[in-house]
């Protein structure tokens, strides 16, 4: 599988996106701390999600004693933006330009 496809597959799951959001806000967390943020699923399930994120290189892991500490690696996200989401930027610019024109247009019947 290509790196981008791995990234997209990893991002497809809402739990994995949630893990990335948590790691965006906290510089380093243990697997247990991450699992505690998802009480509706088992710690083993969170571990599997972390494995997918590791394989997609979206998180880095550092072993410290008996604990594994996870940090976000934004590199693959930047690649997704540059190679895929960035291609939609002209559409956003066009939409914002239309919105600006509409917002600045005087209301119907207004004196000029």
N, C-alpha and C. Protein backbone atom coordinates (compact mmCIF):
# COMPACT_ATOMS: atom_id res chain seq x y z
N UNK A 1 0.84 -1.18 0.00
CA UNK A 1 0.00 0.00 0.00
C UNK A 1 0.88 1.25 0.00
N UNK A 2 0.47 2.25 -0.72
CA UNK A 2 1.25 3.48 -0.75
C UNK A 2 1.10 4.22 0.57
N UNK A 3 2.05 5.11 0.86
CA UNK A 3 2.00 5.87 2.11
C UNK A 3 0.75 6.69 2.24
N UNK A 4 0.34 7.34 1.13
CA UNK A 4 -0.86 8.18 1.20
C UNK A 4 -2.09 7.33 1.45
N UNK A 5 -2.15 6.18 0.79
CA UNK A 5 -3.31 5.31 0.98
C UNK A 5 -3.37 4.80 2.42
N UNK A 6 -2.21 4.46 2.97
CA UNK A 6 -2.16 4.06 4.38
C UNK A 6 -2.69 5.17 5.27
N UNK A 7 -2.29 6.40 4.94
CA UNK A 7 -2.74 7.55 5.73
C UNK A 7 -4.24 7.71 5.62
N UNK A 8 -4.77 7.63 4.41
CA UNK A 8 -6.22 7.76 4.23
C UNK A 8 -6.96 6.65 4.97
N UNK A 9 -6.45 5.43 4.89
CA UNK A 9 -7.09 4.31 5.59
C UNK A 9 -7.09 4.55 7.09
N UNK A 10 -5.97 5.04 7.60
CA UNK A 10 -5.88 5.30 9.04
C UNK A 10 -6.84 6.41 9.44
N UNK A 11 -6.96 7.43 8.60
CA UNK A 11 -7.83 8.57 8.92
C UNK A 11 -9.31 8.25 8.74
N UNK A 12 -9.62 7.15 8.09
CA UNK A 12 -11.02 6.81 7.81
C UNK A 12 -11.81 6.48 9.08
N UNK A 13 -11.13 6.08 10.11
CA UNK A 13 -11.81 5.65 11.33
C UNK A 13 -11.95 6.80 12.33
N UNK A 14 -13.16 7.04 12.84
CA UNK A 14 -13.36 8.17 13.77
C UNK A 14 -12.58 8.03 15.08
N UNK A 15 -12.36 6.81 15.55
CA UNK A 15 -11.58 6.64 16.79
C UNK A 15 -10.14 7.06 16.54
N UNK A 16 -9.58 6.66 15.41
CA UNK A 16 -8.20 7.05 15.10
C UNK A 16 -8.08 8.56 14.92
N UNK A 17 -9.07 9.17 14.29
CA UNK A 17 -9.05 10.63 14.18
C UNK A 17 -9.12 11.27 15.56
N UNK A 18 -9.91 10.67 16.44
CA UNK A 18 -10.00 11.17 17.82
C UNK A 18 -8.67 11.06 18.54
N UNK A 19 -7.97 9.96 18.33
CA UNK A 19 -6.65 9.80 18.95
C UNK A 19 -5.70 10.89 18.45
N UNK A 20 -5.73 11.15 17.15
CA UNK A 20 -4.86 12.20 16.59
C UNK A 20 -5.21 13.57 17.16
N UNK A 21 -6.49 13.83 17.36
CA UNK A 21 -6.91 15.11 17.94
C UNK A 21 -6.40 15.25 19.37
N UNK A 22 -6.45 14.17 20.13
CA UNK A 22 -5.95 14.19 21.51
C UNK A 22 -4.44 14.46 21.50
N UNK A 23 -3.72 13.77 20.60
CA UNK A 23 -2.28 13.95 20.53
C UNK A 23 -1.89 15.31 19.96
N UNK A 24 -2.79 15.93 19.22
CA UNK A 24 -2.54 17.29 18.74
C UNK A 24 -2.46 18.25 19.93
N UNK A 25 -3.28 17.99 20.94
CA UNK A 25 -3.38 18.88 22.08
C UNK A 25 -2.45 18.51 23.24
N UNK A 26 -1.98 17.29 23.27
CA UNK A 26 -1.07 16.82 24.33
C UNK A 26 0.21 16.32 23.67
N UNK A 27 1.35 16.83 24.06
CA UNK A 27 2.58 16.49 23.35
C UNK A 27 2.98 15.02 23.41
N UNK A 28 2.66 14.34 24.50
CA UNK A 28 3.04 12.94 24.64
C UNK A 28 2.10 12.27 25.64
N UNK A 29 1.57 11.13 25.26
CA UNK A 29 0.68 10.37 26.15
C UNK A 29 1.02 8.89 26.07
N UNK A 30 0.79 8.20 27.17
CA UNK A 30 0.95 6.74 27.17
C UNK A 30 -0.29 6.11 26.54
N UNK A 31 -0.14 4.85 26.17
CA UNK A 31 -1.28 4.12 25.61
C UNK A 31 -2.43 4.09 26.61
N UNK A 32 -2.12 3.94 27.88
CA UNK A 32 -3.16 3.92 28.92
C UNK A 32 -3.90 5.25 29.02
N UNK A 33 -3.15 6.35 28.93
CA UNK A 33 -3.79 7.66 28.97
C UNK A 33 -4.70 7.87 27.76
N UNK A 34 -4.26 7.41 26.61
CA UNK A 34 -5.09 7.53 25.41
C UNK A 34 -6.33 6.67 25.56
N UNK A 35 -6.16 5.43 26.01
CA UNK A 35 -7.29 4.51 26.18
C UNK A 35 -8.31 5.07 27.15
N UNK A 36 -7.86 5.78 28.18
CA UNK A 36 -8.78 6.36 29.16
C UNK A 36 -9.71 7.39 28.53
N UNK A 37 -9.31 7.96 27.39
CA UNK A 37 -10.16 8.93 26.69
C UNK A 37 -11.27 8.28 25.88
N UNK A 38 -11.24 6.95 25.79
CA UNK A 38 -12.23 6.20 25.00
C UNK A 38 -12.85 5.10 25.86
N UNK A 39 -13.65 5.49 26.86
CA UNK A 39 -14.19 4.49 27.80
C UNK A 39 -15.15 3.49 27.15
N UNK A 40 -15.69 3.80 26.00
CA UNK A 40 -16.66 2.91 25.36
C UNK A 40 -16.01 1.74 24.63
N UNK A 41 -14.67 1.80 24.45
CA UNK A 41 -14.00 0.68 23.78
C UNK A 41 -12.89 0.14 24.66
N UNK A 42 -12.49 -1.09 24.40
CA UNK A 42 -11.48 -1.73 25.25
C UNK A 42 -10.10 -1.16 25.01
N UNK A 43 -9.25 -1.36 25.97
CA UNK A 43 -7.85 -0.92 25.84
C UNK A 43 -7.17 -1.65 24.69
N UNK A 44 -7.52 -2.92 24.50
CA UNK A 44 -6.95 -3.69 23.39
C UNK A 44 -7.36 -3.09 22.04
N UNK A 45 -8.59 -2.62 21.94
CA UNK A 45 -9.04 -1.99 20.70
C UNK A 45 -8.28 -0.70 20.45
N UNK A 46 -8.07 0.08 21.50
CA UNK A 46 -7.29 1.32 21.35
C UNK A 46 -5.87 0.97 20.92
N UNK A 47 -5.31 -0.08 21.46
CA UNK A 47 -3.97 -0.53 21.09
C UNK A 47 -3.90 -0.87 19.60
N UNK A 48 -4.93 -1.52 19.10
CA UNK A 48 -4.97 -1.85 17.66
C UNK A 48 -5.04 -0.57 16.83
N UNK A 49 -5.83 0.39 17.27
CA UNK A 49 -5.91 1.67 16.56
C UNK A 49 -4.54 2.37 16.57
N UNK A 50 -3.86 2.33 17.70
CA UNK A 50 -2.53 2.93 17.77
C UNK A 50 -1.56 2.22 16.83
N UNK A 51 -1.72 0.91 16.68
CA UNK A 51 -0.88 0.16 15.74
C UNK A 51 -1.09 0.61 14.31
N UNK A 52 -2.34 0.82 13.94
CA UNK A 52 -2.64 1.31 12.59
C UNK A 52 -2.03 2.69 12.38
N UNK A 53 -2.15 3.55 13.37
CA UNK A 53 -1.58 4.90 13.28
C UNK A 53 -0.06 4.86 13.19
N UNK A 54 0.56 3.90 13.91
CA UNK A 54 2.02 3.73 13.82
C UNK A 54 2.42 3.29 12.42
N UNK A 55 1.70 2.30 11.88
CA UNK A 55 2.02 1.79 10.54
C UNK A 55 1.87 2.89 9.49
N UNK A 56 0.91 3.78 9.67
CA UNK A 56 0.71 4.89 8.74
C UNK A 56 1.66 6.05 9.04
N UNK A 57 2.50 5.88 10.05
CA UNK A 57 3.48 6.89 10.47
C UNK A 57 2.83 8.20 10.91
N UNK A 58 1.61 8.11 11.42
CA UNK A 58 0.91 9.29 11.94
C UNK A 58 1.24 9.56 13.40
N UNK A 59 1.77 8.54 14.08
CA UNK A 59 2.24 8.71 15.45
C UNK A 59 3.63 8.10 15.58
N UNK A 60 4.38 8.64 16.51
CA UNK A 60 5.69 8.08 16.88
C UNK A 60 5.53 7.48 18.26
N UNK A 61 6.29 6.44 18.50
CA UNK A 61 6.22 5.80 19.81
C UNK A 61 7.62 5.71 20.39
N UNK A 62 7.69 5.95 21.69
CA UNK A 62 8.96 5.87 22.41
C UNK A 62 8.72 5.02 23.64
N UNK A 63 9.52 3.99 23.80
CA UNK A 63 9.39 3.12 24.95
C UNK A 63 10.19 3.71 26.11
N UNK A 64 9.51 3.84 27.24
CA UNK A 64 10.15 4.37 28.44
C UNK A 64 9.76 3.44 29.58
N UNK A 65 10.69 2.60 29.97
CA UNK A 65 10.38 1.60 30.99
C UNK A 65 9.35 0.63 30.44
N UNK A 66 8.26 0.47 31.18
CA UNK A 66 7.20 -0.44 30.73
C UNK A 66 6.13 0.27 29.93
N UNK A 67 6.27 1.57 29.77
CA UNK A 67 5.23 2.35 29.08
C UNK A 67 5.70 2.78 27.69
N UNK A 68 4.73 2.89 26.81
CA UNK A 68 4.97 3.42 25.48
C UNK A 68 4.35 4.80 25.42
N UNK A 69 5.12 5.76 24.99
CA UNK A 69 4.65 7.14 24.88
C UNK A 69 4.44 7.49 23.41
N UNK A 70 3.27 8.01 23.12
CA UNK A 70 2.90 8.34 21.74
C UNK A 70 2.89 9.84 21.53
N UNK A 71 3.38 10.25 20.35
CA UNK A 71 3.33 11.64 19.93
C UNK A 71 2.83 11.69 18.50
N UNK A 72 2.21 12.77 18.15
CA UNK A 72 1.70 12.98 16.81
C UNK A 72 2.86 13.26 15.85
N UNK A 73 2.81 12.66 14.67
CA UNK A 73 3.75 12.99 13.60
C UNK A 73 2.94 13.62 12.48
N UNK A 74 2.98 14.94 12.33
CA UNK A 74 2.13 15.61 11.35
C UNK A 74 2.60 15.47 9.91
N UNK A 75 3.78 14.89 9.68
CA UNK A 75 4.32 14.78 8.33
C UNK A 75 3.37 14.17 7.31
N UNK A 76 2.81 12.99 7.57
CA UNK A 76 1.88 12.40 6.60
C UNK A 76 0.63 13.25 6.38
N UNK A 77 0.18 13.96 7.40
CA UNK A 77 -0.98 14.84 7.23
C UNK A 77 -0.65 15.99 6.29
N UNK A 78 0.57 16.50 6.40
CA UNK A 78 1.02 17.56 5.49
C UNK A 78 1.03 17.05 4.05
N UNK A 79 1.48 15.82 3.86
CA UNK A 79 1.49 15.24 2.52
C UNK A 79 0.08 15.08 1.96
N UNK A 80 -0.86 14.65 2.80
CA UNK A 80 -2.25 14.53 2.36
C UNK A 80 -2.77 15.90 1.93
N UNK A 81 -2.45 16.91 2.73
CA UNK A 81 -2.91 18.25 2.39
C UNK A 81 -2.29 18.70 1.07
N UNK A 82 -0.97 18.57 0.95
CA UNK A 82 -0.28 19.04 -0.25
C UNK A 82 -0.73 18.31 -1.51
N UNK A 83 -0.89 17.00 -1.42
CA UNK A 83 -1.16 16.20 -2.61
C UNK A 83 -2.63 16.01 -2.93
N UNK A 84 -3.49 16.23 -1.95
CA UNK A 84 -4.90 15.96 -2.23
C UNK A 84 -5.78 17.14 -1.84
N UNK A 85 -5.83 17.49 -0.57
CA UNK A 85 -6.69 18.58 -0.13
C UNK A 85 -6.31 19.90 -0.77
N UNK A 86 -5.02 20.13 -0.98
CA UNK A 86 -4.57 21.35 -1.60
C UNK A 86 -5.14 21.55 -2.99
N UNK A 87 -5.45 20.46 -3.67
CA UNK A 87 -6.02 20.58 -5.02
C UNK A 87 -7.42 21.17 -4.99
N UNK A 88 -8.05 21.18 -3.83
CA UNK A 88 -9.38 21.75 -3.69
C UNK A 88 -9.34 23.23 -3.30
N UNK A 89 -8.16 23.75 -2.98
CA UNK A 89 -8.04 25.14 -2.53
C UNK A 89 -8.62 26.14 -3.53
N UNK A 90 -8.41 25.98 -4.86
CA UNK A 90 -9.02 26.94 -5.78
C UNK A 90 -10.55 26.98 -5.67
N UNK A 91 -11.15 25.85 -5.36
CA UNK A 91 -12.61 25.82 -5.19
C UNK A 91 -13.02 26.62 -3.96
N UNK A 92 -12.23 26.52 -2.88
CA UNK A 92 -12.52 27.29 -1.67
C UNK A 92 -12.40 28.77 -1.95
N UNK A 93 -11.31 29.14 -2.67
CA UNK A 93 -11.10 30.55 -3.00
C UNK A 93 -12.26 31.08 -3.84
N UNK A 94 -12.69 30.28 -4.80
CA UNK A 94 -13.81 30.69 -5.66
C UNK A 94 -15.08 30.87 -4.83
N UNK A 95 -15.35 29.94 -3.93
CA UNK A 95 -16.54 30.04 -3.08
C UNK A 95 -16.48 31.26 -2.18
N UNK A 96 -15.31 31.55 -1.62
CA UNK A 96 -15.17 32.73 -0.76
C UNK A 96 -15.35 34.02 -1.56
N UNK A 97 -14.87 34.03 -2.79
CA UNK A 97 -15.04 35.22 -3.64
C UNK A 97 -16.52 35.44 -3.93
N UNK A 98 -17.26 34.37 -4.25
CA UNK A 98 -18.71 34.49 -4.49
C UNK A 98 -19.43 34.96 -3.24
N UNK A 99 -19.05 34.43 -2.09
CA UNK A 99 -19.66 34.84 -0.83
C UNK A 99 -19.40 36.33 -0.57
N UNK A 100 -18.18 36.78 -0.81
CA UNK A 100 -17.84 38.18 -0.61
C UNK A 100 -18.68 39.07 -1.52
N UNK A 101 -18.81 38.69 -2.80
CA UNK A 101 -19.63 39.48 -3.73
C UNK A 101 -21.08 39.54 -3.26
N UNK A 102 -21.60 38.42 -2.81
CA UNK A 102 -22.98 38.37 -2.35
C UNK A 102 -23.16 39.23 -1.10
N UNK A 103 -22.24 39.14 -0.17
CA UNK A 103 -22.33 39.90 1.07
C UNK A 103 -22.22 41.40 0.83
N UNK A 104 -21.44 41.79 -0.16
CA UNK A 104 -21.24 43.21 -0.42
C UNK A 104 -22.30 43.80 -1.35
N UNK A 105 -23.13 42.97 -1.94
CA UNK A 105 -24.18 43.43 -2.85
C UNK A 105 -25.25 44.14 -2.01
N UNK A 106 -25.70 45.33 -2.45
CA UNK A 106 -26.76 46.02 -1.70
C UNK A 106 -28.05 45.21 -1.75
N UNK A 107 -28.84 45.29 -0.70
CA UNK A 107 -30.11 44.54 -0.69
C UNK A 107 -31.02 45.06 -1.79
N UNK A 108 -31.92 44.21 -2.30
CA UNK A 108 -32.84 44.64 -3.34
C UNK A 108 -33.68 45.84 -2.86
N UNK A 109 -33.82 46.82 -3.72
CA UNK A 109 -34.63 47.99 -3.39
C UNK A 109 -33.91 49.04 -2.57
N UNK A 110 -32.63 48.79 -2.24
CA UNK A 110 -31.89 49.78 -1.46
C UNK A 110 -31.47 50.93 -2.37
N UNK A 111 -31.48 52.15 -1.83
CA UNK A 111 -31.07 53.32 -2.58
C UNK A 111 -29.58 53.27 -2.82
N UNK A 112 -29.19 53.70 -4.01
CA UNK A 112 -27.76 53.69 -4.33
C UNK A 112 -27.21 55.03 -4.31
